[in-house]
Every structure is written in structure tokens, then in C-alpha cells.
Amino acid sequence: MDSVMEENNPDNLDVPLPMDRWIPTEGDSTDPLQDRLYKHQYHMFLCDQKFEKWKKYLQRQFEKEREEILKKYEAKIQELDAPSSPPQKKAKGNSSRDEFFK
């Protein structure tokens, strides 16, 4: 049930994604502008995490819905994909017309 909760709540940041860049912790610098930069970098990292989790969640939902639709309409899809029988060839000459020219 926990995995269902995670799927339904993509905002949950309990499962961290790997950090692709180094983000220093607040207070590493004596410069207030540098500290502010670190805060913004960390905020961007959290936004990236949320975005990736949301993207994966939506991809899973899409795949589930797609499978349900394919199962529901499988017979119709097979009917449309089945090769149709070739059309009957019509005789080139019209029998009444051929008799007229004899």
C-alpha cells in the first residue's frame, strides 16, 4: 500500500533522486550573496526532483491507461488490423455490349 501512496502523491520527497551537481550547505560562505546562491541552487535541485518524480508518475499512469484501453478494444483493433480480402475483379467487357458489336 505504501507504493500506491507514493504513486498517488508525487510531491513526496522522501525518496531522493541522485544529486547530479554539488550543492553546498547554507552557511558555508561568509558572503550573504553566496549563501543566497546556495539556497537557490538547492531549491532548483528540489524542483528538479519533483519534476522527475512527477514525470515518472505520469509515464506510469499513461502506460496503465494505455494497457487498459488496448485490452478493452483489443477485438476492434485486431478487426481493423486484419488484412481485408482483395476486391473481386470485374469483367472488363460487358456481355450485352459484346453481343452488340458481334
PDB file of N, CA and C in Angstrom:
ATOM      1  N   MET A   1       0.818  -1.191   0.000  1.00  0.00           N
ATOM      2  CA  MET A   1       0.000   0.000   0.000  1.00  0.00           C
ATOM      3  C   MET A   1       0.864   1.258   0.000  1.00  0.00           C
ATOM      4  N   ASP A   2       2.084   1.167   0.547  1.00  0.00           N
ATOM      5  CA  ASP A   2       2.974   2.317   0.552  1.00  0.00           C
ATOM      6  C   ASP A   2       3.350   2.738  -0.855  1.00  0.00           C
ATOM      7  N   SER A   3       3.574   1.753  -1.734  1.00  0.00           N
ATOM      8  CA  SER A   3       3.925   2.107  -3.113  1.00  0.00           C
ATOM      9  C   SER A   3       2.757   2.802  -3.807  1.00  0.00           C
ATOM     10  N   VAL A   4       1.533   2.412  -3.451  1.00  0.00           N
ATOM     11  CA  VAL A   4       0.365   3.078  -4.022  1.00  0.00           C
ATOM     12  C   VAL A   4       0.304   4.512  -3.526  1.00  0.00           C
ATOM     13  N   MET A   5       0.632   4.717  -2.252  1.00  0.00           N
ATOM     14  CA  MET A   5       0.635   6.070  -1.706  1.00  0.00           C
ATOM     15  C   MET A   5       1.673   6.928  -2.419  1.00  0.00           C
ATOM     16  N   GLU A   6       2.853   6.354  -2.675  1.00  0.00           N
ATOM     17  CA  GLU A   6       3.888   7.111  -3.371  1.00  0.00           C
ATOM     18  C   GLU A   6       3.437   7.470  -4.776  1.00  0.00           C
ATOM     19  N   GLU A   7       2.772   6.533  -5.449  1.00  0.00           N
ATOM     20  CA  GLU A   7       2.300   6.810  -6.806  1.00  0.00           C
ATOM     21  C   GLU A   7       1.268   7.918  -6.811  1.00  0.00           C
ATOM     22  N   ASN A   8       0.399   7.936  -5.823  1.00  0.00           N
ATOM     23  CA  ASN A   8      -0.668   8.920  -5.784  1.00  0.00           C
ATOM     24  C   ASN A   8      -0.209  10.263  -5.230  1.00  0.00           C
ATOM     25  N   ASN A   9       0.978  10.302  -4.636  1.00  0.00           N
ATOM     26  CA  ASN A   9       1.482  11.541  -4.077  1.00  0.00           C
ATOM     27  C   ASN A   9       2.882  11.810  -4.612  1.00  0.00           C
ATOM     28  N   PRO A  10       3.007  12.307  -5.822  1.00  0.00           N
ATOM     29  CA  PRO A  10       4.331  12.540  -6.396  1.00  0.00           C
ATOM     30  C   PRO A  10       5.082  13.676  -5.718  1.00  0.00           C
ATOM     31  N   ASP A  11       4.407  14.477  -4.881  1.00  0.00           N
ATOM     32  CA  ASP A  11       5.080  15.563  -4.179  1.00  0.00           C
ATOM     33  C   ASP A  11       5.912  15.067  -3.007  1.00  0.00           C
ATOM     34  N   ASN A  12       5.762  13.803  -2.637  1.00  0.00           N
ATOM     35  CA  ASN A  12       6.504  13.236  -1.528  1.00  0.00           C
ATOM     36  C   ASN A  12       7.980  13.168  -1.906  1.00  0.00           C
ATOM     37  N   LEU A  13       8.829  13.848  -1.165  1.00  0.00           N
ATOM     38  CA  LEU A  13      10.252  13.885  -1.474  1.00  0.00           C
ATOM     39  C   LEU A  13      11.049  12.951  -0.581  1.00  0.00           C
ATOM     40  N   ASP A  14      10.389  11.974   0.043  1.00  0.00           N
ATOM     41  CA  ASP A  14      11.090  11.051   0.933  1.00  0.00           C
ATOM     42  C   ASP A  14      12.063  10.157   0.181  1.00  0.00           C
ATOM     43  N   VAL A  15      11.797   9.916  -1.093  1.00  0.00           N
ATOM     44  CA  VAL A  15      12.682   9.076  -1.893  1.00  0.00           C
ATOM     45  C   VAL A  15      13.549  10.008  -2.733  1.00  0.00           C
ATOM     46  N   PRO A  16      14.802  10.241  -2.294  1.00  0.00           N
ATOM     47  CA  PRO A  16      15.621  11.220  -3.014  1.00  0.00           C
ATOM     48  C   PRO A  16      16.161  10.667  -4.321  1.00  0.00           C
ATOM     49  N   LEU A  17      16.304  11.546  -5.267  1.00  0.00           N
ATOM     50  CA  LEU A  17      16.964  11.219  -6.522  1.00  0.00           C
ATOM     51  C   LEU A  17      18.443  11.552  -6.373  1.00  0.00           C
ATOM     52  N   PRO A  18      19.314  10.956  -7.161  1.00  0.00           N
ATOM     53  CA  PRO A  18      20.737  11.271  -7.033  1.00  0.00           C
ATOM     54  C   PRO A  18      21.014  12.725  -7.411  1.00  0.00           C
ATOM     55  N   MET A  19      21.881  13.340  -6.675  1.00  0.00           N
ATOM     56  CA  MET A  19      22.242  14.735  -6.969  1.00  0.00           C
ATOM     57  C   MET A  19      23.246  14.743  -8.109  1.00  0.00           C
ATOM     58  N   ASP A  20      22.936  15.465  -9.157  1.00  0.00           N
ATOM     59  CA  ASP A  20      23.837  15.490 -10.301  1.00  0.00           C
ATOM     60  C   ASP A  20      24.846  16.631 -10.212  1.00  0.00           C
ATOM     61  N   ARG A  21      24.691  17.479  -9.236  1.00  0.00           N
ATOM     62  CA  ARG A  21      25.681  18.541  -9.045  1.00  0.00           C
ATOM     63  C   ARG A  21      25.862  18.783  -7.552  1.00  0.00           C
ATOM     64  N   TRP A  22      27.012  19.296  -7.200  1.00  0.00           N
ATOM     65  CA  TRP A  22      27.316  19.548  -5.804  1.00  0.00           C
ATOM     66  C   TRP A  22      26.610  20.810  -5.355  1.00  0.00           C
ATOM     67  N   ILE A  23      25.888  20.716  -4.248  1.00  0.00           N
ATOM     68  CA  ILE A  23      25.204  21.872  -3.690  1.00  0.00           C
ATOM     69  C   ILE A  23      25.711  22.059  -2.264  1.00  0.00           C
ATOM     70  N   PRO A  24      26.470  23.108  -2.018  1.00  0.00           N
ATOM     71  CA  PRO A  24      26.970  23.329  -0.668  1.00  0.00           C
ATOM     72  C   PRO A  24      25.834  23.653   0.293  1.00  0.00           C
ATOM     73  N   THR A  25      26.046  23.384   1.537  1.00  0.00           N
ATOM     74  CA  THR A  25      25.016  23.680   2.534  1.00  0.00           C
ATOM     75  C   THR A  25      25.049  25.153   2.886  1.00  0.00           C
ATOM     76  N   GLU A  26      23.931  25.624   3.393  1.00  0.00           N
ATOM     77  CA  GLU A  26      23.816  27.030   3.773  1.00  0.00           C
ATOM     78  C   GLU A  26      24.811  27.324   4.897  1.00  0.00           C
ATOM     79  N   GLY A  27      25.430  28.462   4.828  1.00  0.00           N
ATOM     80  CA  GLY A  27      26.362  28.863   5.881  1.00  0.00           C
ATOM     81  C   GLY A  27      27.797  28.488   5.594  1.00  0.00           C
ATOM     82  N   ASP A  28      28.080  27.890   4.428  1.00  0.00           N
ATOM     83  CA  ASP A  28      29.462  27.544   4.086  1.00  0.00           C
ATOM     84  C   ASP A  28      30.284  28.786   3.759  1.00  0.00           C
ATOM     85  N   SER A  29      29.638  29.851   3.434  1.00  0.00           N
ATOM     86  CA  SER A  29      30.341  31.048   2.999  1.00  0.00           C
ATOM     87  C   SER A  29      30.044  32.196   3.952  1.00  0.00           C
ATOM     88  N   THR A  30      30.957  33.127   4.007  1.00  0.00           N
ATOM     89  CA  THR A  30      30.712  34.332   4.801  1.00  0.00           C
ATOM     90  C   THR A  30      29.999  35.383   3.971  1.00  0.00           C
ATOM     91  N   ASP A  31      29.926  35.167   2.681  1.00  0.00           N
ATOM     92  CA  ASP A  31      29.281  36.116   1.773  1.00  0.00           C
ATOM     93  C   ASP A  31      27.782  35.815   1.718  1.00  0.00           C
ATOM     94  N   PRO A  32      26.917  36.788   2.063  1.00  0.00           N
ATOM     95  CA  PRO A  32      25.471  36.543   2.030  1.00  0.00           C
ATOM     96  C   PRO A  32      24.948  36.252   0.617  1.00  0.00           C
ATOM     97  N   LEU A  33      25.571  36.841  -0.404  1.00  0.00           N
ATOM     98  CA  LEU A  33      25.140  36.558  -1.774  1.00  0.00           C
ATOM     99  C   LEU A  33      25.448  35.110  -2.147  1.00  0.00           C
ATOM    100  N   GLN A  34      26.585  34.621  -1.677  1.00  0.00           N
ATOM    101  CA  GLN A  34      26.947  33.228  -1.944  1.00  0.00           C
ATOM    102  C   GLN A  34      25.954  32.289  -1.248  1.00  0.00           C
ATOM    103  N   ASP A  35      25.583  32.626  -0.023  1.00  0.00           N
ATOM    104  CA  ASP A  35      24.589  31.812   0.692  1.00  0.00           C
ATOM    105  C   ASP A  35      23.252  31.807  -0.047  1.00  0.00           C
ATOM    106  N   ARG A  36      22.896  32.970  -0.554  1.00  0.00           N
ATOM    107  CA  ARG A  36      21.642  33.053  -1.316  1.00  0.00           C
ATOM    108  C   ARG A  36      21.697  32.204  -2.573  1.00  0.00           C
ATOM    109  N   LEU A  37      22.854  32.226  -3.239  1.00  0.00           N
ATOM    110  CA  LEU A  37      23.048  31.388  -4.422  1.00  0.00           C
ATOM    111  C   LEU A  37      22.873  29.923  -4.056  1.00  0.00           C
ATOM    112  N   TYR A  38      23.444  29.494  -2.937  1.00  0.00           N
ATOM    113  CA  TYR A  38      23.313  28.101  -2.495  1.00  0.00           C
ATOM    114  C   TYR A  38      21.855  27.737  -2.245  1.00  0.00           C
ATOM    115  N   LYS A  39      21.137  28.659  -1.622  1.00  0.00           N
ATOM    116  CA  LYS A  39      19.704  28.405  -1.371  1.00  0.00           C
ATOM    117  C   LYS A  39      18.958  28.207  -2.681  1.00  0.00           C
ATOM    118  N   HIS A  40      19.254  29.072  -3.651  1.00  0.00           N
ATOM    119  CA  HIS A  40      18.582  28.956  -4.947  1.00  0.00           C
ATOM    120  C   HIS A  40      18.979  27.670  -5.675  1.00  0.00           C
ATOM    121  N   GLN A  41      20.235  27.293  -5.571  1.00  0.00           N
ATOM    122  CA  GLN A  41      20.669  26.040  -6.184  1.00  0.00           C
ATOM    123  C   GLN A  41      19.953  24.854  -5.546  1.00  0.00           C
ATOM    124  N   TYR A  42      19.828  24.878  -4.227  1.00  0.00           N
ATOM    125  CA  TYR A  42      19.146  23.787  -3.536  1.00  0.00           C
ATOM    126  C   TYR A  42      17.663  23.758  -3.918  1.00  0.00           C
ATOM    127  N   HIS A  43      17.058  24.929  -4.002  1.00  0.00           N
ATOM    128  CA  HIS A  43      15.650  24.998  -4.414  1.00  0.00           C
ATOM    129  C   HIS A  43      15.479  24.445  -5.830  1.00  0.00           C
ATOM    130  N   MET A  44      16.421  24.766  -6.726  1.00  0.00           N
ATOM    131  CA  MET A  44      16.361  24.231  -8.093  1.00  0.00           C
ATOM    132  C   MET A  44      16.493  22.710  -8.073  1.00  0.00           C
ATOM    133  N   PHE A  45      17.363  22.213  -7.225  1.00  0.00           N
ATOM    134  CA  PHE A  45      17.534  20.773  -7.112  1.00  0.00           C
ATOM    135  C   PHE A  45      16.236  20.109  -6.653  1.00  0.00           C
ATOM    136  N   LEU A  46      15.579  20.688  -5.645  1.00  0.00           N
ATOM    137  CA  LEU A  46      14.310  20.131  -5.173  1.00  0.00           C
ATOM    138  C   LEU A  46      13.247  20.176  -6.261  1.00  0.00           C
ATOM    139  N   CYS A  47      13.228  21.257  -7.030  1.00  0.00           N
ATOM    140  CA  CYS A  47      12.268  21.365  -8.135  1.00  0.00           C
ATOM    141  C   CYS A  47      12.559  20.305  -9.194  1.00  0.00           C
ATOM    142  N   ASP A  48      13.837  20.077  -9.473  1.00  0.00           N
ATOM    143  CA  ASP A  48      14.206  19.022 -10.425  1.00  0.00           C
ATOM    144  C   ASP A  48      13.742  17.662  -9.937  1.00  0.00           C
ATOM    145  N   GLN A  49      13.914  17.412  -8.641  1.00  0.00           N
ATOM    146  CA  GLN A  49      13.467  16.141  -8.061  1.00  0.00           C
ATOM    147  C   GLN A  49      11.967  15.972  -8.241  1.00  0.00           C
ATOM    148  N   LYS A  50      11.221  17.003  -7.885  1.00  0.00           N
ATOM    149  CA  LYS A  50       9.763  16.931  -8.005  1.00  0.00           C
ATOM    150  C   LYS A  50       9.345  16.720  -9.455  1.00  0.00           C
ATOM    151  N   PHE A  51      10.014  17.429 -10.365  1.00  0.00           N
ATOM    152  CA  PHE A  51       9.697  17.293 -11.779  1.00  0.00           C
ATOM    153  C   PHE A  51       9.940  15.862 -12.253  1.00  0.00           C
ATOM    154  N   GLU A  52      11.089  15.280 -11.914  1.00  0.00           N
ATOM    155  CA  GLU A  52      11.413  13.920 -12.345  1.00  0.00           C
ATOM    156  C   GLU A  52      10.437  12.911 -11.751  1.00  0.00           C
ATOM    157  N   LYS A  53      10.104  13.071 -10.485  1.00  0.00           N
ATOM    158  CA  LYS A  53       9.152  12.152  -9.861  1.00  0.00           C
ATOM    159  C   LYS A  53       7.776  12.281 -10.515  1.00  0.00           C
ATOM    160  N   TRP A  54       7.355  13.499 -10.775  1.00  0.00           N
ATOM    161  CA  TRP A  54       6.051  13.726 -11.408  1.00  0.00           C
ATOM    162  C   TRP A  54       6.044  13.155 -12.820  1.00  0.00           C
ATOM    163  N   LYS A  55       7.138  13.342 -13.553  1.00  0.00           N
ATOM    164  CA  LYS A  55       7.242  12.817 -14.908  1.00  0.00           C
ATOM    165  C   LYS A  55       7.142  11.289 -14.904  1.00  0.00           C
ATOM    166  N   LYS A  56       7.864  10.632 -13.996  1.00  0.00           N
ATOM    167  CA  LYS A  56       7.795   9.171 -13.901  1.00  0.00           C
ATOM    168  C   LYS A  56       6.398   8.714 -13.513  1.00  0.00           C
ATOM    169  N   TYR A  57       5.767   9.420 -12.588  1.00  0.00           N
ATOM    170  CA  TYR A  57       4.403   9.094 -12.174  1.00  0.00           C
ATOM    171  C   TYR A  57       3.448   9.188 -13.362  1.00  0.00           C
ATOM    172  N   LEU A  58       3.531  10.268 -14.131  1.00  0.00           N
ATOM    173  CA  LEU A  58       2.646  10.439 -15.288  1.00  0.00           C
ATOM    174  C   LEU A  58       2.922   9.389 -16.362  1.00  0.00           C
ATOM    175  N   GLN A  59       4.185   9.011 -16.544  1.00  0.00           N
ATOM    176  CA  GLN A  59       4.504   7.970 -17.512  1.00  0.00           C
ATOM    177  C   GLN A  59       3.893   6.639 -17.092  1.00  0.00           C
ATOM    178  N   ARG A  60       3.965   6.311 -15.800  1.00  0.00           N
ATOM    179  CA  ARG A  60       3.354   5.063 -15.317  1.00  0.00           C
ATOM    180  C   ARG A  60       1.840   5.087 -15.495  1.00  0.00           C
ATOM    181  N   GLN A  61       1.221   6.226 -15.177  1.00  0.00           N
ATOM    182  CA  GLN A  61      -0.224   6.346 -15.350  1.00  0.00           C
ATOM    183  C   GLN A  61      -0.614   6.196 -16.814  1.00  0.00           C
ATOM    184  N   PHE A  62       0.150   6.812 -17.702  1.00  0.00           N
ATOM    185  CA  PHE A  62      -0.117   6.706 -19.135  1.00  0.00           C
ATOM    186  C   PHE A  62      -0.039   5.255 -19.591  1.00  0.00           C
ATOM    187  N   GLU A  63       1.006   4.542 -19.159  1.00  0.00           N
ATOM    188  CA  GLU A  63       1.163   3.140 -19.556  1.00  0.00           C
ATOM    189  C   GLU A  63      -0.005   2.297 -19.042  1.00  0.00           C
ATOM    190  N   LYS A  64      -0.438   2.525 -17.820  1.00  0.00           N
ATOM    191  CA  LYS A  64      -1.571   1.776 -17.262  1.00  0.00           C
ATOM    192  C   LYS A  64      -2.844   2.037 -18.066  1.00  0.00           C
ATOM    193  N   GLU A  65      -3.113   3.305 -18.335  1.00  0.00           N
ATOM    194  CA  GLU A  65      -4.323   3.650 -19.091  1.00  0.00           C
ATOM    195  C   GLU A  65      -4.262   3.094 -20.509  1.00  0.00           C
ATOM    196  N   ARG A  66      -3.088   3.140 -21.102  1.00  0.00           N
ATOM    197  CA  ARG A  66      -2.918   2.610 -22.458  1.00  0.00           C
ATOM    198  C   ARG A  66      -3.194   1.114 -22.493  1.00  0.00           C
ATOM    199  N   GLU A  67      -2.656   0.383 -21.512  1.00  0.00           N
ATOM    200  CA  GLU A  67      -2.901  -1.064 -21.449  1.00  0.00           C
ATOM    201  C   GLU A  67      -4.384  -1.361 -21.259  1.00  0.00           C
ATOM    202  N   GLU A  68      -5.056  -0.591 -20.398  1.00  0.00           N
ATOM    203  CA  GLU A  68      -6.492  -0.793 -20.182  1.00  0.00           C
ATOM    204  C   GLU A  68      -7.279  -0.558 -21.465  1.00  0.00           C
ATOM    205  N   ILE A  69      -6.927   0.482 -22.197  1.00  0.00           N
ATOM    206  CA  ILE A  69      -7.624   0.800 -23.448  1.00  0.00           C
ATOM    207  C   ILE A  69      -7.377  -0.307 -24.475  1.00  0.00           C
ATOM    208  N   LEU A  70      -6.117  -0.755 -24.573  1.00  0.00           N
ATOM    209  CA  LEU A  70      -5.809  -1.817 -25.529  1.00  0.00           C
ATOM    210  C   LEU A  70      -6.545  -3.104 -25.188  1.00  0.00           C
ATOM    211  N   LYS A  71      -6.655  -3.427 -23.909  1.00  0.00           N
ATOM    212  CA  LYS A  71      -7.399  -4.629 -23.508  1.00  0.00           C
ATOM    213  C   LYS A  71      -8.878  -4.473 -23.842  1.00  0.00           C
ATOM    214  N   LYS A  72      -9.411  -3.294 -23.569  1.00  0.00           N
ATOM    215  CA  LYS A  72     -10.842  -3.047 -23.778  1.00  0.00           C
ATOM    216  C   LYS A  72     -11.220  -3.143 -25.266  1.00  0.00           C
ATOM    217  N   TYR A  73     -10.366  -2.628 -26.120  1.00  0.00           N
ATOM    218  CA  TYR A  73     -10.685  -2.564 -27.543  1.00  0.00           C
ATOM    219  C   TYR A  73      -9.842  -3.515 -28.385  1.00  0.00           C
ATOM    220  N   GLU A  74      -9.296  -4.561 -27.767  1.00  0.00           N
ATOM    221  CA  GLU A  74      -8.415  -5.485 -28.483  1.00  0.00           C
ATOM    222  C   GLU A  74      -9.095  -6.115 -29.698  1.00  0.00           C
ATOM    223  N   ALA A  75     -10.349  -6.543 -29.551  1.00  0.00           N
ATOM    224  CA  ALA A  75     -11.061  -7.182 -30.660  1.00  0.00           C
ATOM    225  C   ALA A  75     -11.231  -6.209 -31.838  1.00  0.00           C
ATOM    226  N   LYS A  76     -11.591  -4.965 -31.535  1.00  0.00           N
ATOM    227  CA  LYS A  76     -11.780  -3.967 -32.601  1.00  0.00           C
ATOM    228  C   LYS A  76     -10.452  -3.658 -33.293  1.00  0.00           C
ATOM    229  N   ILE A  77      -9.390  -3.582 -32.524  1.00  0.00           N
ATOM    230  CA  ILE A  77      -8.074  -3.292 -33.105  1.00  0.00           C
ATOM    231  C   ILE A  77      -7.651  -4.425 -34.029  1.00  0.00           C
ATOM    232  N   GLN A  78      -7.850  -5.659 -33.591  1.00  0.00           N
ATOM    233  CA  GLN A  78      -7.498  -6.800 -34.433  1.00  0.00           C
ATOM    234  C   GLN A  78      -8.339  -6.824 -35.698  1.00  0.00           C
ATOM    235  N   GLU A  79      -9.610  -6.466 -35.558  1.00  0.00           N
ATOM    236  CA  GLU A  79     -10.505  -6.427 -36.719  1.00  0.00           C
ATOM    237  C   GLU A  79     -10.017  -5.396 -37.741  1.00  0.00           C
ATOM    238  N   LEU A  80      -9.572  -4.240 -37.258  1.00  0.00           N
ATOM    239  CA  LEU A  80      -9.086  -3.199 -38.159  1.00  0.00           C
ATOM    240  C   LEU A  80      -7.721  -3.543 -38.753  1.00  0.00           C
ATOM    241  N   ASP A  81      -6.894  -4.240 -37.979  1.00  0.00           N
ATOM    242  CA  ASP A  81      -5.557  -4.598 -38.450  1.00  0.00           C
ATOM    243  C   ASP A  81      -5.558  -5.804 -39.381  1.00  0.00           C
ATOM    244  N   ALA A  82      -6.615  -6.597 -39.367  1.00  0.00           N
ATOM    245  CA  ALA A  82      -6.677  -7.800 -40.193  1.00  0.00           C
ATOM    246  C   ALA A  82      -6.688  -7.393 -41.667  1.00  0.00           C
ATOM    247  N   PRO A  83      -5.936  -8.136 -42.487  1.00  0.00           N
ATOM    248  CA  PRO A  83      -5.933  -7.791 -43.920  1.00  0.00           C
ATOM    249  C   PRO A  83      -7.309  -8.061 -44.519  1.00  0.00           C
ATOM    250  N   SER A  84      -7.777  -7.104 -45.272  1.00  0.00           N
ATOM    251  CA  SER A  84      -9.087  -7.276 -45.891  1.00  0.00           C
ATOM    252  C   SER A  84      -8.944  -8.163 -47.126  1.00  0.00           C
ATOM    253  N   SER A  85     -10.020  -8.826 -47.485  1.00  0.00           N
ATOM    254  CA  SER A  85      -9.972  -9.693 -48.663  1.00  0.00           C
ATOM    255  C   SER A  85      -9.861  -8.813 -49.907  1.00  0.00           C
ATOM    256  N   PRO A  86      -9.113  -9.274 -50.911  1.00  0.00           N
ATOM    257  CA  PRO A  86      -8.950  -8.447 -52.118  1.00  0.00           C
ATOM    258  C   PRO A  86     -10.286  -8.296 -52.835  1.00  0.00           C
ATOM    259  N   PRO A  87     -10.506  -7.156 -53.440  1.00  0.00           N
ATOM    260  CA  PRO A  87     -11.787  -6.939 -54.138  1.00  0.00           C
ATOM    261  C   PRO A  87     -11.915  -7.885 -55.332  1.00  0.00           C
ATOM    262  N   GLN A  88     -13.150  -8.259 -55.625  1.00  0.00           N
ATOM    263  CA  GLN A  88     -13.427  -9.138 -56.755  1.00  0.00           C
ATOM    264  C   GLN A  88     -13.131  -8.386 -58.050  1.00  0.00           C
ATOM    265  N   LYS A  89     -12.435  -9.071 -58.962  1.00  0.00           N
ATOM    266  CA  LYS A  89     -12.130  -8.427 -60.247  1.00  0.00           C
ATOM    267  C   LYS A  89     -13.391  -8.428 -61.103  1.00  0.00           C
ATOM    268  N   LYS A  90     -13.668  -7.285 -61.650  1.00  0.00           N
ATOM    269  CA  LYS A  90     -14.833  -7.166 -62.518  1.00  0.00           C
ATOM    270  C   LYS A  90     -14.415  -7.532 -63.934  1.00  0.00           C
ATOM    271  N   ALA A  91     -15.338  -8.143 -64.661  1.00  0.00           N
ATOM    272  CA  ALA A  91     -15.070  -8.483 -66.055  1.00  0.00           C
ATOM    273  C   ALA A  91     -14.929  -7.180 -66.833  1.00  0.00           C
ATOM    274  N   LYS A  92     -13.935  -7.142 -67.701  1.00  0.00           N
ATOM    275  CA  LYS A  92     -13.689  -5.905 -68.449  1.00  0.00           C
ATOM    276  C   LYS A  92     -14.806  -5.635 -69.452  1.00  0.00           C
ATOM    277  N   GLY A  93     -15.260  -6.666 -70.065  1.00  0.00           N
ATOM    278  CA  GLY A  93     -16.286  -6.452 -71.086  1.00  0.00           C
ATOM    279  C   GLY A  93     -17.675  -6.640 -70.514  1.00  0.00           C
ATOM    280  N   ASN A  94     -18.567  -5.892 -71.011  1.00  0.00           N
ATOM    281  CA  ASN A  94     -19.965  -6.025 -70.643  1.00  0.00           C
ATOM    282  C   ASN A  94     -20.598  -6.979 -71.640  1.00  0.00           C
ATOM    283  N   SER A  95     -21.275  -8.005 -71.143  1.00  0.00           N
ATOM    284  CA  SER A  95     -21.786  -9.044 -72.048  1.00  0.00           C
ATOM    285  C   SER A  95     -22.784  -8.476 -73.058  1.00  0.00           C
ATOM    286  N   SER A  96     -23.652  -7.573 -72.677  1.00  0.00           N
ATOM    287  CA  SER A  96     -24.600  -7.035 -73.623  1.00  0.00           C
ATOM    288  C   SER A  96     -23.908  -6.159 -74.660  1.00  0.00           C
ATOM    289  N   ARG A  97     -22.870  -5.489 -74.251  1.00  0.00           N
ATOM    290  CA  ARG A  97     -22.117  -4.665 -75.184  1.00  0.00           C
ATOM    291  C   ARG A  97     -21.359  -5.522 -76.178  1.00  0.00           C
ATOM    292  N   ASP A  98     -20.776  -6.647 -75.678  1.00  0.00           N
ATOM    293  CA  ASP A  98     -20.048  -7.557 -76.573  1.00  0.00           C
ATOM    294  C   ASP A  98     -20.990  -8.131 -77.630  1.00  0.00           C
ATOM    295  N   GLU A  99     -22.204  -8.459 -77.249  1.00  0.00           N
ATOM    296  CA  GLU A  99     -23.165  -9.016 -78.200  1.00  0.00           C
ATOM    297  C   GLU A  99     -23.528  -7.992 -79.267  1.00  0.00           C
ATOM    298  N   PHE A 100     -23.569  -6.730 -78.889  1.00  0.00           N
ATOM    299  CA  PHE A 100     -23.954  -5.674 -79.818  1.00  0.00           C
ATOM    300  C   PHE A 100     -22.915  -5.526 -80.931  1.00  0.00           C
ATOM    301  N   PHE A 101     -21.610  -5.675 -80.581  1.00  0.00           N
ATOM    302  CA  PHE A 101     -20.558  -5.488 -81.572  1.00  0.00           C
ATOM    303  C   PHE A 101     -20.302  -6.733 -82.414  1.00  0.00           C
ATOM    304  N   LYS A 102     -20.932  -7.841 -82.149  1.00  0.00           N
ATOM    305  CA  LYS A 102     -20.701  -9.052 -82.945  1.00  0.00           C
ATOM    306  C   LYS A 102     -21.302  -8.995 -84.266  1.00  0.00           C
TER     307      LYS A 102
END
